[in-house]
Amino acid sequence: MAKSFLSPRSDNASGKPSTVAVIGLGRFGGALALELEAAGTEVLGIDEDAERVQSFNGLLTHVVRADSTQEEALRQLAVHELGVVVVAIGSDLEASILTASRLLKFARPTIWAKAISEPHGEILDQLGVHHVVRPEHDMGRRVAHLVQGGIRDYVELDEDFVLVRTRAPQAAQDRPLDILDLDAKYNITVVAAKPLGERWQPTRAHTVLREDDEILIEGSPSATEAFSRLP
């Protein structure tokens, strides 16, 4: 193993990590790493597969072939000095769990880890991983709401609180929002609106919605679903 070549900068004043390690450069990890790079974050990409590592050469700040289940390998790459590490290992359950356990020995990094199943997620939670991501489960829930027709986008902010993009139904049109009192009638809040051909704007008490407007609403999954089905 080569000596550490990474000299991570301190996190900047905005709280955004300057350097993130992404361990596992498969479809999920690779897409994540490239998106972080595009957003201006330095990325240390780590994978055991030489061909995969080569495919990211020049696309990430640093990319290296290494066995992330070995604590010494992680230390030589200065992973223990970073603020954020993402364990994006997919198919190898043992490697994912071992890597997470090695990282948890370090005092500094906040650890995000991908879970490929509920039992996998439970193990990562029990280990003490700070953030467990369940992309297939979460995407399945999101698509289930989209395919029903009324919802155009769906973001789950908490177990019982979501943000939904939909159209303005008749019940929300042609009168100011404070007069319509949609919060009391439908248990949702309209937080932004996008008139046809215009940009998104936050709503106010005096905002009047029209037939072709798109809106962002927040509330429980059941309330937002019911509101999006209104004619």
C-alpha atoms as a PDB file:
ATOM      1  CA  MET A   1       0.000   0.000   0.000  1.00  0.00           C
ATOM      2  CA  ALA A   2       1.326   3.405  -0.915  1.00  0.00           C
ATOM      3  CA  LYS A   3       1.781   6.100   1.703  1.00  0.00           C
ATOM      4  CA  SER A   4      -1.030   8.596   2.169  1.00  0.00           C
ATOM      5  CA  PHE A   5      -1.263  11.113  -0.676  1.00  0.00           C
ATOM      6  CA  LEU A   6      -4.360  12.902   0.585  1.00  0.00           C
ATOM      7  CA  SER A   7      -4.102  16.107   2.582  1.00  0.00           C
ATOM      8  CA  PRO A   8      -7.743  16.865   3.392  1.00  0.00           C
ATOM      9  CA  ARG A   9      -8.676  20.476   3.923  1.00  0.00           C
ATOM     10  CA  SER A  10     -10.755  21.448   6.910  1.00  0.00           C
ATOM     11  CA  ASP A  11     -14.492  21.712   6.362  1.00  0.00           C
ATOM     12  CA  ASN A  12     -15.349  25.194   5.164  1.00  0.00           C
ATOM     13  CA  ALA A  13     -17.351  27.858   6.984  1.00  0.00           C
ATOM     14  CA  SER A  14     -20.592  26.840   5.265  1.00  0.00           C
ATOM     15  CA  GLY A  15     -20.451  23.418   6.894  1.00  0.00           C
ATOM     16  CA  LYS A  16     -19.969  21.717   3.523  1.00  0.00           C
ATOM     17  CA  PRO A  17     -17.269  19.010   3.692  1.00  0.00           C
ATOM     18  CA  SER A  18     -14.239  19.878   1.556  1.00  0.00           C
ATOM     19  CA  THR A  19     -13.326  16.243   0.946  1.00  0.00           C
ATOM     20  CA  VAL A  20     -15.535  13.152   1.011  1.00  0.00           C
ATOM     21  CA  ALA A  21     -14.395   9.554   0.699  1.00  0.00           C
ATOM     22  CA  VAL A  22     -16.706   7.306  -1.313  1.00  0.00           C
ATOM     23  CA  ILE A  23     -15.960   3.622  -0.763  1.00  0.00           C
ATOM     24  CA  GLY A  24     -17.414   1.460  -3.521  1.00  0.00           C
ATOM     25  CA  LEU A  25     -17.690   2.920  -7.011  1.00  0.00           C
ATOM     26  CA  GLY A  26     -20.568   0.876  -8.399  1.00  0.00           C
ATOM     27  CA  ARG A  27     -23.679   2.475  -9.876  1.00  0.00           C
ATOM     28  CA  PHE A  28     -24.761   4.159  -6.637  1.00  0.00           C
ATOM     29  CA  GLY A  29     -21.314   5.092  -5.338  1.00  0.00           C
ATOM     30  CA  GLY A  30     -20.026   6.167  -8.741  1.00  0.00           C
ATOM     31  CA  ALA A  31     -22.999   8.432  -9.414  1.00  0.00           C
ATOM     32  CA  LEU A  32     -22.709   9.895  -5.923  1.00  0.00           C
ATOM     33  CA  ALA A  33     -18.980  10.552  -6.323  1.00  0.00           C
ATOM     34  CA  LEU A  34     -19.421  12.270  -9.691  1.00  0.00           C
ATOM     35  CA  GLU A  35     -22.247  14.435  -8.355  1.00  0.00           C
ATOM     36  CA  LEU A  36     -20.115  15.516  -5.397  1.00  0.00           C
ATOM     37  CA  GLU A  37     -17.265  16.420  -7.753  1.00  0.00           C
ATOM     38  CA  ALA A  38     -19.640  18.403  -9.965  1.00  0.00           C
ATOM     39  CA  ALA A  39     -20.764  20.332  -6.868  1.00  0.00           C
ATOM     40  CA  GLY A  40     -17.180  21.312  -6.071  1.00  0.00           C
ATOM     41  CA  THR A  41     -16.404  18.765  -3.353  1.00  0.00           C
ATOM     42  CA  GLU A  42     -13.105  16.894  -3.515  1.00  0.00           C
ATOM     43  CA  VAL A  43     -13.705  13.141  -3.658  1.00  0.00           C
ATOM     44  CA  LEU A  44     -11.462  10.261  -2.687  1.00  0.00           C
ATOM     45  CA  GLY A  45     -12.880   7.245  -4.520  1.00  0.00           C
ATOM     46  CA  ILE A  46     -11.929   3.802  -3.187  1.00  0.00           C
ATOM     47  CA  ASP A  47     -12.686   0.435  -4.751  1.00  0.00           C
ATOM     48  CA  GLU A  48     -11.092  -3.025  -4.835  1.00  0.00           C
ATOM     49  CA  ASP A  49     -11.746  -3.508  -8.541  1.00  0.00           C
ATOM     50  CA  ALA A  50      -8.801  -2.261 -10.631  1.00  0.00           C
ATOM     51  CA  GLU A  51     -10.852  -1.833 -13.810  1.00  0.00           C
ATOM     52  CA  ARG A  52     -13.484   0.202 -12.000  1.00  0.00           C
ATOM     53  CA  VAL A  53     -10.821   2.371 -10.385  1.00  0.00           C
ATOM     54  CA  GLN A  54      -9.275   2.995 -13.802  1.00  0.00           C
ATOM     55  CA  SER A  55     -12.643   4.048 -15.219  1.00  0.00           C
ATOM     56  CA  PHE A  56     -12.825   6.908 -12.689  1.00  0.00           C
ATOM     57  CA  ASN A  57      -9.258   8.051 -13.195  1.00  0.00           C
ATOM     58  CA  GLY A  58      -9.325  11.743 -14.075  1.00  0.00           C
ATOM     59  CA  LEU A  59     -12.980  12.108 -13.076  1.00  0.00           C
ATOM     60  CA  LEU A  60     -12.443  12.266  -9.316  1.00  0.00           C
ATOM     61  CA  THR A  61      -9.925  14.245  -7.283  1.00  0.00           C
ATOM     62  CA  HIS A  62      -8.288  11.001  -6.151  1.00  0.00           C
ATOM     63  CA  VAL A  63      -9.182   7.400  -6.931  1.00  0.00           C
ATOM     64  CA  VAL A  64      -7.356   4.396  -5.565  1.00  0.00           C
ATOM     65  CA  ARG A  65      -7.576   0.636  -5.430  1.00  0.00           C
ATOM     66  CA  ALA A  66      -7.659  -0.546  -1.814  1.00  0.00           C
ATOM     67  CA  ASP A  67      -9.262  -3.074   0.530  1.00  0.00           C
ATOM     68  CA  SER A  68     -11.503  -0.950   2.735  1.00  0.00           C
ATOM     69  CA  THR A  69     -12.017  -3.773   5.242  1.00  0.00           C
ATOM     70  CA  GLN A  70      -8.407  -3.270   6.383  1.00  0.00           C
ATOM     71  CA  GLU A  71      -8.040  -0.524   8.984  1.00  0.00           C
ATOM     72  CA  GLU A  72      -4.406   0.119   8.077  1.00  0.00           C
ATOM     73  CA  ALA A  73      -5.342   0.695   4.426  1.00  0.00           C
ATOM     74  CA  LEU A  74      -7.892   3.314   5.468  1.00  0.00           C
ATOM     75  CA  ARG A  75      -5.360   5.017   7.727  1.00  0.00           C
ATOM     76  CA  GLN A  76      -2.721   5.115   4.995  1.00  0.00           C
ATOM     77  CA  LEU A  77      -5.255   6.888   2.788  1.00  0.00           C
ATOM     78  CA  ALA A  78      -5.979   9.378   5.618  1.00  0.00           C
ATOM     79  CA  VAL A  79      -9.658   8.401   5.635  1.00  0.00           C
ATOM     80  CA  HIS A  80      -9.649   8.804   9.428  1.00  0.00           C
ATOM     81  CA  GLU A  81      -8.896  12.519   8.944  1.00  0.00           C
ATOM     82  CA  LEU A  82     -11.914  13.236   6.748  1.00  0.00           C
ATOM     83  CA  GLY A  83     -15.199  14.688   7.933  1.00  0.00           C
ATOM     84  CA  VAL A  84     -17.512  12.500   5.823  1.00  0.00           C
ATOM     85  CA  VAL A  85     -17.177   8.961   4.470  1.00  0.00           C
ATOM     86  CA  VAL A  86     -19.785   7.147   2.376  1.00  0.00           C
ATOM     87  CA  VAL A  87     -19.799   3.349   2.347  1.00  0.00           C
ATOM     88  CA  ALA A  88     -21.454   2.636  -1.012  1.00  0.00           C
ATOM     89  CA  ILE A  89     -20.505  -1.049  -1.268  1.00  0.00           C
ATOM     90  CA  GLY A  90     -23.424  -2.884  -2.818  1.00  0.00           C
ATOM     91  CA  SER A  91     -23.316  -6.619  -3.385  1.00  0.00           C
ATOM     92  CA  ASP A  92     -20.692  -7.630  -0.783  1.00  0.00           C
ATOM     93  CA  LEU A  93     -22.562  -7.522   2.518  1.00  0.00           C
ATOM     94  CA  GLU A  94     -19.577  -8.658   4.565  1.00  0.00           C
ATOM     95  CA  ALA A  95     -17.286  -6.013   3.084  1.00  0.00           C
ATOM     96  CA  SER A  96     -19.884  -3.298   3.761  1.00  0.00           C
ATOM     97  CA  ILE A  97     -20.276  -4.281   7.396  1.00  0.00           C
ATOM     98  CA  LEU A  98     -16.541  -4.743   8.007  1.00  0.00           C
ATOM     99  CA  THR A  99     -15.750  -1.405   6.374  1.00  0.00           C
ATOM    100  CA  ALA A 100     -18.348   0.370   8.503  1.00  0.00           C
ATOM    101  CA  SER A 101     -17.001  -1.245  11.666  1.00  0.00           C
ATOM    102  CA  ARG A 102     -13.447  -0.157  10.809  1.00  0.00           C
ATOM    103  CA  LEU A 103     -14.577   3.409  10.185  1.00  0.00           C
ATOM    104  CA  LEU A 104     -16.435   3.532  13.485  1.00  0.00           C
ATOM    105  CA  LYS A 105     -13.097   3.096  15.274  1.00  0.00           C
ATOM    106  CA  PHE A 106     -12.090   6.525  14.004  1.00  0.00           C
ATOM    107  CA  ALA A 107     -13.179   9.557  15.985  1.00  0.00           C
ATOM    108  CA  ARG A 108     -13.717  12.002  13.145  1.00  0.00           C
ATOM    109  CA  PRO A 109     -15.729  10.890  10.103  1.00  0.00           C
ATOM    110  CA  THR A 110     -19.488  11.118   9.876  1.00  0.00           C
ATOM    111  CA  ILE A 111     -20.415   7.833   8.200  1.00  0.00           C
ATOM    112  CA  TRP A 112     -23.103   7.341   5.578  1.00  0.00           C
ATOM    113  CA  ALA A 113     -23.705   3.764   4.439  1.00  0.00           C
ATOM    114  CA  LYS A 114     -25.854   2.170   1.760  1.00  0.00           C
ATOM    115  CA  ALA A 115     -28.080  -0.726   2.838  1.00  0.00           C
ATOM    116  CA  ILE A 116     -29.173  -3.236   0.214  1.00  0.00           C
ATOM    117  CA  SER A 117     -31.830  -4.857   2.417  1.00  0.00           C
ATOM    118  CA  GLU A 118     -33.686  -4.265   5.666  1.00  0.00           C
ATOM    119  CA  PRO A 119     -31.524  -6.770   7.635  1.00  0.00           C
ATOM    120  CA  HIS A 120     -28.418  -5.056   6.241  1.00  0.00           C
ATOM    121  CA  GLY A 121     -29.798  -1.698   7.319  1.00  0.00           C
ATOM    122  CA  GLU A 122     -30.591  -3.009  10.790  1.00  0.00           C
ATOM    123  CA  ILE A 123     -27.019  -4.252  11.222  1.00  0.00           C
ATOM    124  CA  LEU A 124     -25.594  -0.901  10.128  1.00  0.00           C
ATOM    125  CA  ASP A 125     -27.935   0.861  12.558  1.00  0.00           C
ATOM    126  CA  GLN A 126     -26.879  -1.451  15.372  1.00  0.00           C
ATOM    127  CA  LEU A 127     -23.218  -0.827  14.631  1.00  0.00           C
ATOM    128  CA  GLY A 128     -23.830   2.870  15.144  1.00  0.00           C
ATOM    129  CA  VAL A 129     -23.519   4.156  11.560  1.00  0.00           C
ATOM    130  CA  HIS A 130     -24.669   7.775  11.613  1.00  0.00           C
ATOM    131  CA  HIS A 131     -26.798   7.720   8.444  1.00  0.00           C
ATOM    132  CA  VAL A 132     -28.101   4.554   6.780  1.00  0.00           C
ATOM    133  CA  VAL A 133     -29.374   5.032   3.223  1.00  0.00           C
ATOM    134  CA  ARG A 134     -31.840   2.559   1.732  1.00  0.00           C
ATOM    135  CA  PRO A 135     -31.973   3.711  -1.912  1.00  0.00           C
ATOM    136  CA  GLU A 136     -34.031   0.854  -3.376  1.00  0.00           C
ATOM    137  CA  HIS A 137     -36.545   0.948  -0.521  1.00  0.00           C
ATOM    138  CA  ASP A 138     -36.827   4.750  -0.643  1.00  0.00           C
ATOM    139  CA  MET A 139     -37.110   4.831  -4.440  1.00  0.00           C
ATOM    140  CA  GLY A 140     -39.793   2.162  -4.331  1.00  0.00           C
ATOM    141  CA  ARG A 141     -41.856   4.237  -1.913  1.00  0.00           C
ATOM    142  CA  ARG A 142     -41.366   7.360  -4.031  1.00  0.00           C
ATOM    143  CA  VAL A 143     -42.331   5.693  -7.306  1.00  0.00           C
ATOM    144  CA  ALA A 144     -45.400   4.132  -5.677  1.00  0.00           C
ATOM    145  CA  HIS A 145     -46.732   7.649  -5.102  1.00  0.00           C
ATOM    146  CA  LEU A 146     -45.748   8.921  -8.552  1.00  0.00           C
ATOM    147  CA  VAL A 147     -47.419   6.146 -10.533  1.00  0.00           C
ATOM    148  CA  GLN A 148     -50.805   6.954  -9.052  1.00  0.00           C
ATOM    149  CA  GLY A 149     -50.964  10.008 -11.282  1.00  0.00           C
ATOM    150  CA  GLY A 150     -51.696  13.113  -9.224  1.00  0.00           C
ATOM    151  CA  ILE A 151     -48.215  13.577  -7.780  1.00  0.00           C
ATOM    152  CA  ARG A 152     -45.389  14.825 -10.028  1.00  0.00           C
ATOM    153  CA  ASP A 153     -42.601  14.545  -7.470  1.00  0.00           C
ATOM    154  CA  TYR A 154     -42.377  13.233  -3.925  1.00  0.00           C
ATOM    155  CA  VAL A 155     -39.752  13.744  -1.224  1.00  0.00           C
ATOM    156  CA  GLU A 156     -40.018  12.015   2.140  1.00  0.00           C
ATOM    157  CA  LEU A 157     -38.586  14.358   4.782  1.00  0.00           C
ATOM    158  CA  ASP A 158     -39.565  12.170   7.716  1.00  0.00           C
ATOM    159  CA  GLU A 159     -41.644   9.058   8.319  1.00  0.00           C
ATOM    160  CA  ASP A 160     -44.887  11.049   8.435  1.00  0.00           C
ATOM    161  CA  PHE A 161     -43.937  14.279   6.660  1.00  0.00           C
ATOM    162  CA  VAL A 162     -43.452  14.709   2.921  1.00  0.00           C
ATOM    163  CA  LEU A 163     -42.975  17.403   0.297  1.00  0.00           C
ATOM    164  CA  VAL A 164     -45.038  16.891  -2.867  1.00  0.00           C
ATOM    165  CA  ARG A 165     -45.086  18.577  -6.265  1.00  0.00           C
ATOM    166  CA  THR A 166     -48.526  18.538  -7.868  1.00  0.00           C
ATOM    167  CA  ARG A 167     -50.956  20.765  -9.774  1.00  0.00           C
ATOM    168  CA  ALA A 168     -53.321  23.229  -8.126  1.00  0.00           C
ATOM    169  CA  PRO A 169     -56.769  21.575  -7.846  1.00  0.00           C
ATOM    170  CA  GLN A 170     -59.976  23.598  -8.176  1.00  0.00           C
ATOM    171  CA  ALA A 171     -60.295  23.780  -4.396  1.00  0.00           C
ATOM    172  CA  ALA A 172     -57.050  25.810  -4.281  1.00  0.00           C
ATOM    173  CA  GLN A 173     -57.754  28.196  -7.150  1.00  0.00           C
ATOM    174  CA  ASP A 174     -58.965  31.770  -7.661  1.00  0.00           C
ATOM    175  CA  ARG A 175     -58.988  32.968  -4.036  1.00  0.00           C
ATOM    176  CA  PRO A 176     -56.202  33.987  -1.639  1.00  0.00           C
ATOM    177  CA  LEU A 177     -54.722  31.102   0.332  1.00  0.00           C
ATOM    178  CA  ASP A 178     -55.580  32.660   3.692  1.00  0.00           C
ATOM    179  CA  ILE A 179     -59.252  32.746   2.666  1.00  0.00           C
ATOM    180  CA  LEU A 180     -59.226  29.149   1.395  1.00  0.00           C
ATOM    181  CA  ASP A 181     -57.614  27.915   4.653  1.00  0.00           C
ATOM    182  CA  LEU A 182     -56.336  24.689   3.047  1.00  0.00           C
ATOM    183  CA  ASP A 183     -54.339  23.851   6.169  1.00  0.00           C
ATOM    184  CA  ALA A 184     -57.524  23.407   8.199  1.00  0.00           C
ATOM    185  CA  LYS A 185     -59.589  21.764   5.456  1.00  0.00           C
ATOM    186  CA  TYR A 186     -57.042  19.328   4.016  1.00  0.00           C
ATOM    187  CA  ASN A 187     -54.180  19.217   6.574  1.00  0.00           C
ATOM    188  CA  ILE A 188     -51.631  20.409   3.999  1.00  0.00           C
ATOM    189  CA  THR A 189     -49.650  23.603   3.493  1.00  0.00           C
ATOM    190  CA  VAL A 190     -48.907  25.147   0.111  1.00  0.00           C
ATOM    191  CA  VAL A 191     -45.301  26.357   0.410  1.00  0.00           C
ATOM    192  CA  ALA A 192     -44.489  27.393  -3.186  1.00  0.00           C
ATOM    193  CA  ALA A 193     -46.124  27.898  -6.558  1.00  0.00           C
ATOM    194  CA  LYS A 194     -45.004  27.946 -10.193  1.00  0.00           C
ATOM    195  CA  PRO A 195     -47.369  29.672 -12.623  1.00  0.00           C
ATOM    196  CA  LEU A 196     -47.173  28.411 -16.206  1.00  0.00           C
ATOM    197  CA  GLY A 197     -43.996  29.693 -17.861  1.00  0.00           C
ATOM    198  CA  GLU A 198     -42.708  31.342 -14.694  1.00  0.00           C
ATOM    199  CA  ARG A 199     -40.326  30.446 -11.871  1.00  0.00           C
ATOM    200  CA  TRP A 200     -41.045  28.916  -8.481  1.00  0.00           C
ATOM    201  CA  GLN A 201     -41.980  31.456  -5.809  1.00  0.00           C
ATOM    202  CA  PRO A 202     -42.767  30.987  -2.104  1.00  0.00           C
ATOM    203  CA  THR A 203     -46.450  31.463  -1.363  1.00  0.00           C
ATOM    204  CA  ARG A 204     -47.884  34.151   0.906  1.00  0.00           C
ATOM    205  CA  ALA A 205     -51.231  34.543   2.617  1.00  0.00           C
ATOM    206  CA  HIS A 206     -52.459  36.680  -0.309  1.00  0.00           C
ATOM    207  CA  THR A 207     -51.210  34.287  -3.053  1.00  0.00           C
ATOM    208  CA  VAL A 208     -53.897  33.331  -5.575  1.00  0.00           C
ATOM    209  CA  LEU A 209     -53.403  30.102  -7.515  1.00  0.00           C
ATOM    210  CA  ARG A 210     -54.676  29.499 -11.062  1.00  0.00           C
ATOM    211  CA  GLU A 211     -55.632  26.407 -13.042  1.00  0.00           C
ATOM    212  CA  ASP A 212     -52.257  25.780 -14.700  1.00  0.00           C
ATOM    213  CA  ASP A 213     -50.149  26.421 -11.602  1.00  0.00           C
ATOM    214  CA  GLU A 214     -47.857  23.779 -10.160  1.00  0.00           C
ATOM    215  CA  ILE A 215     -47.514  23.801  -6.382  1.00  0.00           C
ATOM    216  CA  LEU A 216     -45.378  22.337  -3.626  1.00  0.00           C
ATOM    217  CA  ILE A 217     -47.344  21.087  -0.650  1.00  0.00           C
ATOM    218  CA  GLU A 218     -46.211  19.606   2.651  1.00  0.00           C
ATOM    219  CA  GLY A 219     -47.985  17.357   5.121  1.00  0.00           C
ATOM    220  CA  SER A 220     -48.499  13.705   5.918  1.00  0.00           C
ATOM    221  CA  PRO A 221     -48.335  11.126   3.088  1.00  0.00           C
ATOM    222  CA  SER A 222     -52.063  10.419   3.339  1.00  0.00           C
ATOM    223  CA  ALA A 223     -53.068  14.093   3.388  1.00  0.00           C
ATOM    224  CA  THR A 224     -50.856  15.108   0.456  1.00  0.00           C
ATOM    225  CA  GLU A 225     -51.979  12.048  -1.526  1.00  0.00           C
ATOM    226  CA  ALA A 226     -55.659  12.888  -0.966  1.00  0.00           C
ATOM    227  CA  PHE A 227     -55.139  16.553  -1.874  1.00  0.00           C
ATOM    228  CA  SER A 228     -53.298  15.674  -5.095  1.00  0.00           C
ATOM    229  CA  ARG A 229     -56.299  13.605  -6.209  1.00  0.00           C
ATOM    230  CA  LEU A 230     -58.757  16.475  -5.934  1.00  0.00           C
ATOM    231  CA  PRO A 231     -60.226  17.524  -9.319  1.00  0.00           C
END
